[in-house]
Amino acid sequence: MFAIFTELADWLVYHILGLTPEQGFGAALHFFVEDTTKIFALLVVMIYLLALLRAALNVERVRDYLAGKHRTTGYILGSAFGAITPFCSCSSIPAFLGFTSAGIPLGITMAFLLTSPLINEVAVLMLLSMLGWQFTLMYIVVGMLVGISAGAFLDAIHAERWLQSFAAKALQRGQQQALQVGEAEWLTWQQRHQFAKQETRDILGRVWLWVLVGVGLGAALHGFVPEGWVMEHLGQGQWWSVPLAVLLGVPLYSNVTGIVPVMESLLQHGLPIGTTLAFCMATVAASFPEFVLLKQVMQWRLLVTVLAILLCTFTLIGWLFNLLSPWLHT
């Protein structure tokens, strides 16, 4: 699906500039070119389509279905939708902004946002081929539970009060009134197009710099952190190796498709299954570049809360799977 961005990065970095994947700068620049082109393309398409959908559908009806007595269903649907969307954490941000502007409760939006980078169909196929159906099923269940439980907790503490002012106002407008979208039945195609185009321009104007900063940091870490460094610092299954693995994963950045081969390598080198899972989930869903981008829509309190939830959750998952490892076969 995204092969065109990889080919573009290959052409520019390896053929035009003459760099190689073995060079740290070459690998970092390739990562930066591929991810920035992919993310900006997704930003434009996703924001426009979501805004067009908002202008074409009765958002209040959708919101009412997901909220209130259907809140638990909303968490499950949000997490499931995140699981079937093949986006990394950075490219899930446009959908987060679209959900918020539509008045969808923050917990349901976060269930989507946290599940989306952890699971996609490519990763599932890779996990099946490399690690078997048992590990794959466990990974899917755990990934969805992370999103669902975190979303429910954030709604329980009314975390929407810690959104940035523009996001909080958009959420309030979506919950209290129909905006332009409430009369969607009579909007013409041209009106819907103009609404979506303006929404795309506004959101891109707020996030473009953060995309460059976040991906640039991720590219630097991707190109210059030695491959064997992680293995040397995760211990041999001691209790402290799990929280250490989680903390080591936070400064790194990868999408779930890229982390699957790392899982296989770590497991083959004898790293315990729980430690491996905790490290890889932290790298994918709690990475520093992602939180640089999230700072655009969240205040520090909400960022720290989400990070704490993820760190604690991944640590508990790691400990649990290490305890169960004698009965798990990968």
Protein backbone atom coordinates (compact mmCIF):
# COMPACT_ATOMS: atom_id res chain seq x y z
CA MET A 1 0.00 0.00 0.00
CA PHE A 2 2.82 2.40 0.92
CA ALA A 3 5.46 0.96 -1.43
CA ILE A 4 5.53 4.18 -3.45
CA PHE A 5 6.97 6.09 -0.47
CA THR A 6 9.65 3.45 0.05
CA GLU A 7 10.54 3.57 -3.64
CA LEU A 8 10.71 7.37 -3.53
CA ALA A 9 13.06 7.26 -0.55
CA ASP A 10 15.18 4.55 -2.24
CA TRP A 11 15.46 6.62 -5.40
CA LEU A 12 16.33 9.88 -3.65
CA VAL A 13 18.64 8.61 -0.90
CA TYR A 14 20.34 5.58 -2.48
CA HIS A 15 20.35 6.38 -6.20
CA ILE A 16 20.49 10.18 -6.40
CA LEU A 17 22.53 10.90 -3.26
CA GLY A 18 24.53 7.67 -3.45
CA LEU A 19 24.15 6.77 0.23
CA THR A 20 23.77 3.19 1.49
CA PRO A 21 21.57 1.55 4.16
CA GLU A 22 24.71 0.54 6.05
CA GLN A 23 25.59 4.18 6.67
CA GLY A 24 23.95 5.71 9.72
CA PHE A 25 23.15 8.93 7.90
CA GLY A 26 21.84 7.02 4.89
CA ALA A 27 19.48 4.91 7.01
CA ALA A 28 18.33 7.98 8.95
CA LEU A 29 17.70 10.07 5.84
CA HIS A 30 15.84 7.21 4.13
CA PHE A 31 13.64 6.85 7.21
CA PHE A 32 12.97 10.60 7.28
CA VAL A 33 12.08 10.87 3.58
CA GLU A 34 9.85 7.78 3.59
CA ASP A 35 7.96 8.67 6.76
CA THR A 36 7.49 12.38 6.12
CA THR A 37 6.15 11.83 2.60
CA LYS A 38 3.88 9.05 3.83
CA ILE A 39 2.62 10.97 6.84
CA PHE A 40 1.93 14.20 4.96
CA ALA A 41 0.09 12.28 2.23
CA LEU A 42 -1.97 10.53 4.90
CA LEU A 43 -2.57 13.82 6.71
CA VAL A 44 -4.04 15.44 3.62
CA VAL A 45 -6.14 12.45 2.62
CA MET A 46 -7.31 11.47 6.12
CA ILE A 47 -8.18 14.98 7.31
CA TYR A 48 -10.03 15.79 4.10
CA LEU A 49 -11.99 12.52 4.02
CA LEU A 50 -12.90 12.68 7.71
CA ALA A 51 -14.03 16.29 7.34
CA LEU A 52 -16.00 15.37 4.22
CA LEU A 53 -17.60 12.51 6.14
CA ARG A 54 -18.50 14.86 8.97
CA ALA A 55 -20.15 17.19 6.50
CA ALA A 56 -22.05 14.36 4.83
CA LEU A 57 -23.28 12.40 7.84
CA ASN A 58 -25.29 13.18 10.93
CA VAL A 59 -22.39 13.27 13.37
CA GLU A 60 -24.69 13.76 16.34
CA ARG A 61 -26.33 10.41 15.63
CA VAL A 62 -22.96 8.67 15.41
CA ARG A 63 -21.78 10.41 18.55
CA ASP A 64 -24.92 9.47 20.46
CA TYR A 65 -24.45 5.84 19.45
CA LEU A 66 -20.85 5.80 20.69
CA ALA A 67 -21.53 7.76 23.88
CA GLY A 68 -23.83 7.23 26.85
CA LYS A 69 -25.13 3.72 27.29
CA HIS A 70 -23.07 2.58 24.33
CA ARG A 71 -19.76 3.82 25.79
CA THR A 72 -18.31 0.33 26.35
CA THR A 73 -19.27 -0.59 22.80
CA GLY A 74 -17.58 2.63 21.70
CA TYR A 75 -14.29 1.64 23.33
CA ILE A 76 -14.40 -1.74 21.62
CA LEU A 77 -15.32 -0.22 18.25
CA GLY A 78 -12.65 2.47 18.59
CA SER A 79 -10.01 -0.12 19.40
CA ALA A 80 -11.19 -2.43 16.62
CA PHE A 81 -11.14 0.43 14.11
CA GLY A 82 -7.61 1.25 15.24
CA ALA A 83 -6.59 -2.38 14.75
CA ILE A 84 -7.69 -2.46 11.12
CA THR A 85 -6.16 0.87 10.10
CA PRO A 86 -2.57 0.38 8.87
CA PHE A 87 -1.11 3.56 10.34
CA CYS A 88 1.85 4.21 12.59
CA SER A 89 1.36 6.32 15.71
CA CYS A 90 2.28 9.58 13.95
CA SER A 91 -0.19 9.13 11.11
CA SER A 92 -3.01 8.31 13.53
CA ILE A 93 -2.98 11.92 14.72
CA PRO A 94 -5.20 13.21 11.88
CA ALA A 95 -7.90 10.71 12.83
CA PHE A 96 -7.58 11.79 16.47
CA LEU A 97 -8.22 15.40 15.45
CA GLY A 98 -11.13 14.35 13.27
CA PHE A 99 -12.73 12.29 16.05
CA THR A 100 -12.30 15.12 18.54
CA SER A 101 -13.82 17.69 16.19
CA ALA A 102 -16.76 15.35 15.63
CA GLY A 103 -17.49 15.29 19.37
CA ILE A 104 -16.51 11.65 19.91
CA PRO A 105 -15.61 11.14 23.62
CA LEU A 106 -11.89 11.34 24.33
CA GLY A 107 -11.74 7.80 25.74
CA ILE A 108 -13.08 6.28 22.52
CA THR A 109 -10.70 8.41 20.48
CA MET A 110 -7.76 7.29 22.63
CA ALA A 111 -8.84 3.64 22.32
CA PHE A 112 -8.40 4.11 18.57
CA LEU A 113 -5.18 6.11 18.85
CA LEU A 114 -3.41 3.63 21.14
CA THR A 115 -4.53 0.49 19.32
CA SER A 116 -3.80 1.74 15.81
CA PRO A 117 0.03 1.76 16.04
CA LEU A 118 0.09 -1.57 17.92
CA ILE A 119 -1.86 -3.68 15.42
CA ASN A 120 -2.33 -3.81 11.65
CA GLU A 121 -3.01 -6.55 9.14
CA VAL A 122 0.55 -6.60 7.78
CA ALA A 123 1.96 -7.11 11.28
CA VAL A 124 -0.58 -9.85 11.96
CA LEU A 125 0.49 -11.75 8.84
CA MET A 126 4.16 -11.31 9.75
CA LEU A 127 3.54 -12.48 13.31
CA LEU A 128 1.67 -15.54 12.05
CA SER A 129 4.50 -16.50 9.72
CA MET A 130 7.32 -15.80 12.19
CA LEU A 131 5.95 -16.56 15.65
CA GLY A 132 2.83 -18.67 15.16
CA TRP A 133 -0.88 -18.21 15.80
CA GLN A 134 -0.67 -18.43 19.60
CA PHE A 135 1.66 -15.46 20.00
CA THR A 136 -0.23 -13.55 17.28
CA LEU A 137 -3.57 -14.01 19.05
CA MET A 138 -2.06 -12.96 22.37
CA TYR A 139 -0.55 -9.87 20.80
CA ILE A 140 -3.86 -8.80 19.20
CA VAL A 141 -5.84 -9.32 22.42
CA VAL A 142 -3.27 -7.48 24.53
CA GLY A 143 -3.00 -4.62 22.04
CA MET A 144 -6.77 -4.08 21.98
CA LEU A 145 -7.04 -4.34 25.77
CA VAL A 146 -4.42 -1.61 26.12
CA GLY A 147 -6.52 0.76 24.02
CA ILE A 148 -9.85 -0.16 25.61
CA SER A 149 -8.67 0.04 29.22
CA ALA A 150 -6.73 3.27 28.71
CA GLY A 151 -9.70 4.89 26.98
CA ALA A 152 -12.08 3.89 29.77
CA PHE A 153 -9.69 5.23 32.42
CA LEU A 154 -9.23 8.58 30.65
CA ASP A 155 -12.99 9.06 30.41
CA ALA A 156 -13.37 8.10 34.07
CA ILE A 157 -11.01 10.90 35.16
CA HIS A 158 -12.53 13.39 32.65
CA ALA A 159 -9.20 13.82 30.90
CA GLU A 160 -10.78 15.89 28.13
CA ARG A 161 -10.21 18.95 30.33
CA TRP A 162 -6.49 18.56 29.56
CA LEU A 163 -6.79 18.93 25.81
CA GLN A 164 -5.22 21.95 24.14
CA SER A 165 -7.70 24.83 23.98
CA PHE A 166 -8.48 24.52 20.26
CA ALA A 167 -9.05 20.74 20.56
CA ALA A 168 -11.17 21.16 23.70
CA LYS A 169 -13.29 23.81 21.99
CA ALA A 170 -13.73 21.57 18.96
CA LEU A 171 -14.83 18.73 21.22
CA GLN A 172 -17.31 20.97 23.04
CA ARG A 173 -18.73 22.28 19.78
CA GLY A 174 -19.14 18.77 18.49
CA GLN A 175 -20.92 17.68 21.67
CA GLN A 176 -23.13 20.72 22.17
CA GLN A 177 -24.20 21.70 18.69
CA ALA A 178 -24.37 20.43 15.14
CA LEU A 179 -21.96 23.04 13.73
CA GLN A 180 -22.23 23.16 9.98
CA VAL A 181 -22.45 19.41 9.99
CA GLY A 182 -25.70 19.16 11.87
CA GLU A 183 -27.62 20.12 8.76
CA ALA A 184 -25.66 17.67 6.61
CA GLU A 185 -28.73 16.51 4.69
CA TRP A 186 -29.04 19.83 2.86
CA LEU A 187 -25.37 20.69 2.33
CA THR A 188 -24.37 20.63 -1.31
CA TRP A 189 -21.29 18.77 -2.53
CA GLN A 190 -19.49 22.09 -3.04
CA GLN A 191 -20.25 23.17 0.53
CA ARG A 192 -18.98 19.87 1.88
CA HIS A 193 -15.83 20.18 -0.21
CA GLN A 194 -15.18 23.72 1.03
CA PHE A 195 -15.71 22.63 4.65
CA ALA A 196 -13.27 19.71 4.24
CA LYS A 197 -10.69 21.85 2.42
CA GLN A 198 -10.71 24.49 5.15
CA GLU A 199 -10.46 21.85 7.87
CA THR A 200 -7.47 20.29 6.10
CA ARG A 201 -5.72 23.65 5.75
CA ASP A 202 -6.30 24.58 9.41
CA ILE A 203 -5.07 21.31 10.88
CA LEU A 204 -2.03 21.07 8.59
CA GLY A 205 -1.08 24.59 9.61
CA ARG A 206 -0.97 23.48 13.25
CA VAL A 207 0.86 20.17 12.96
CA TRP A 208 3.31 20.32 10.03
CA LEU A 209 6.27 21.52 12.07
CA TRP A 210 5.67 18.92 14.77
CA VAL A 211 5.59 16.19 12.12
CA LEU A 212 9.03 17.25 10.88
CA VAL A 213 10.44 17.45 14.42
CA GLY A 214 8.98 14.10 15.50
CA VAL A 215 10.00 12.15 12.41
CA GLY A 216 13.41 13.83 12.37
CA LEU A 217 14.08 12.66 15.91
CA GLY A 218 12.84 9.20 15.09
CA ALA A 219 15.07 9.09 11.99
CA ALA A 220 18.15 10.09 14.00
CA LEU A 221 17.51 7.36 16.55
CA HIS A 222 16.72 4.87 13.80
CA GLY A 223 19.96 5.52 11.96
CA PHE A 224 22.44 5.90 14.79
CA VAL A 225 21.37 3.58 17.65
CA PRO A 226 23.46 0.37 17.29
CA GLU A 227 21.40 -2.75 16.62
CA GLY A 228 23.00 -4.80 19.41
CA TRP A 229 22.68 -2.06 22.01
CA VAL A 230 19.20 -3.04 23.16
CA MET A 231 20.11 -6.70 23.67
CA GLU A 232 23.08 -5.75 25.82
CA HIS A 233 21.00 -3.69 28.25
CA LEU A 234 17.88 -5.77 28.89
CA GLY A 235 19.26 -8.31 31.35
CA GLN A 236 18.43 -12.01 31.49
CA GLY A 237 14.85 -12.03 32.71
CA GLN A 238 15.30 -10.29 36.08
CA TRP A 239 12.24 -8.41 37.36
CA TRP A 240 13.85 -5.07 36.66
CA SER A 241 14.58 -5.95 33.03
CA VAL A 242 10.92 -5.39 32.07
CA PRO A 243 10.58 -1.76 33.27
CA LEU A 244 14.08 -1.13 31.91
CA ALA A 245 13.01 -2.51 28.52
CA VAL A 246 9.95 -0.24 28.54
CA LEU A 247 12.05 2.82 29.36
CA LEU A 248 14.56 1.93 26.66
CA GLY A 249 11.75 1.66 24.12
CA VAL A 250 10.37 5.15 24.76
CA PRO A 251 13.19 7.15 23.06
CA LEU A 252 13.09 4.84 20.03
CA TYR A 253 10.58 4.88 17.19
CA SER A 254 9.25 2.26 14.82
CA ASN A 255 5.93 1.19 13.38
CA VAL A 256 4.59 -2.24 14.27
CA THR A 257 5.49 -3.70 10.87
CA GLY A 258 9.11 -2.71 11.40
CA ILE A 259 9.22 -4.01 14.96
CA VAL A 260 7.99 -7.56 14.18
CA PRO A 261 11.39 -8.74 12.87
CA VAL A 262 12.94 -7.20 15.98
CA MET A 263 10.58 -9.30 18.11
CA GLU A 264 11.69 -12.41 16.29
CA SER A 265 15.37 -11.55 16.68
CA LEU A 266 15.06 -10.77 20.39
CA LEU A 267 13.18 -13.99 21.06
CA GLN A 268 15.68 -16.04 19.07
CA HIS A 269 18.49 -14.54 21.13
CA GLY A 270 16.81 -15.74 24.30
CA LEU A 271 15.15 -12.57 25.55
CA PRO A 272 12.05 -13.51 27.62
CA ILE A 273 8.74 -13.14 25.82
CA GLY A 274 7.35 -10.59 28.30
CA THR A 275 10.45 -8.41 28.13
CA THR A 276 10.36 -8.54 24.33
CA LEU A 277 6.68 -7.66 24.21
CA ALA A 278 7.08 -4.77 26.67
CA PHE A 279 10.04 -3.31 24.77
CA CYS A 280 8.41 -3.56 21.34
CA MET A 281 5.05 -2.15 22.49
CA ALA A 282 6.81 0.79 24.16
CA THR A 283 8.80 1.45 20.98
CA VAL A 284 5.64 1.46 18.85
CA ALA A 285 3.02 3.13 21.09
CA ALA A 286 4.90 5.16 23.70
CA SER A 287 7.74 6.56 21.61
CA PHE A 288 9.02 10.06 22.22
CA PRO A 289 8.40 11.21 18.61
CA GLU A 290 4.72 10.32 18.97
CA PHE A 291 4.40 12.38 22.13
CA VAL A 292 6.10 15.33 20.44
CA LEU A 293 3.24 15.24 17.94
CA LEU A 294 0.58 14.69 20.59
CA LYS A 295 1.77 17.81 22.40
CA GLN A 296 0.04 19.73 19.61
CA VAL A 297 -3.39 18.54 20.81
CA MET A 298 -2.78 17.72 24.49
CA GLN A 299 -1.64 19.64 27.54
CA TRP A 300 1.28 18.32 29.59
CA ARG A 301 -1.02 16.79 32.22
CA LEU A 302 -2.76 14.63 29.65
CA LEU A 303 0.51 13.69 27.95
CA VAL A 304 2.06 12.60 31.24
CA THR A 305 -1.09 10.71 32.20
CA VAL A 306 -1.21 8.81 28.91
CA LEU A 307 2.52 8.05 29.10
CA ALA A 308 2.20 6.81 32.69
CA ILE A 309 -0.73 4.57 31.73
CA LEU A 310 1.25 3.05 28.88
CA LEU A 311 4.45 2.57 30.88
CA CYS A 312 2.61 0.88 33.75
CA THR A 313 0.49 -1.23 31.40
CA PHE A 314 3.42 -2.44 29.32
CA THR A 315 5.41 -3.25 32.46
CA LEU A 316 2.53 -5.32 33.90
CA ILE A 317 2.10 -7.07 30.53
CA GLY A 318 5.80 -7.90 30.47
CA TRP A 319 5.80 -9.33 33.99
CA LEU A 320 2.63 -11.35 33.29
CA PHE A 321 3.94 -12.88 30.08
CA ASN A 322 7.29 -13.69 31.67
CA LEU A 323 5.43 -15.56 34.42
CA LEU A 324 3.36 -17.41 31.83
CA SER A 325 6.30 -18.08 29.51
CA PRO A 326 6.75 -21.76 30.54
CA TRP A 327 3.29 -22.43 29.07
CA LEU A 328 3.72 -20.26 25.99
CA HIS A 329 5.33 -21.62 22.85
CA THR A 330 6.52 -19.19 20.18
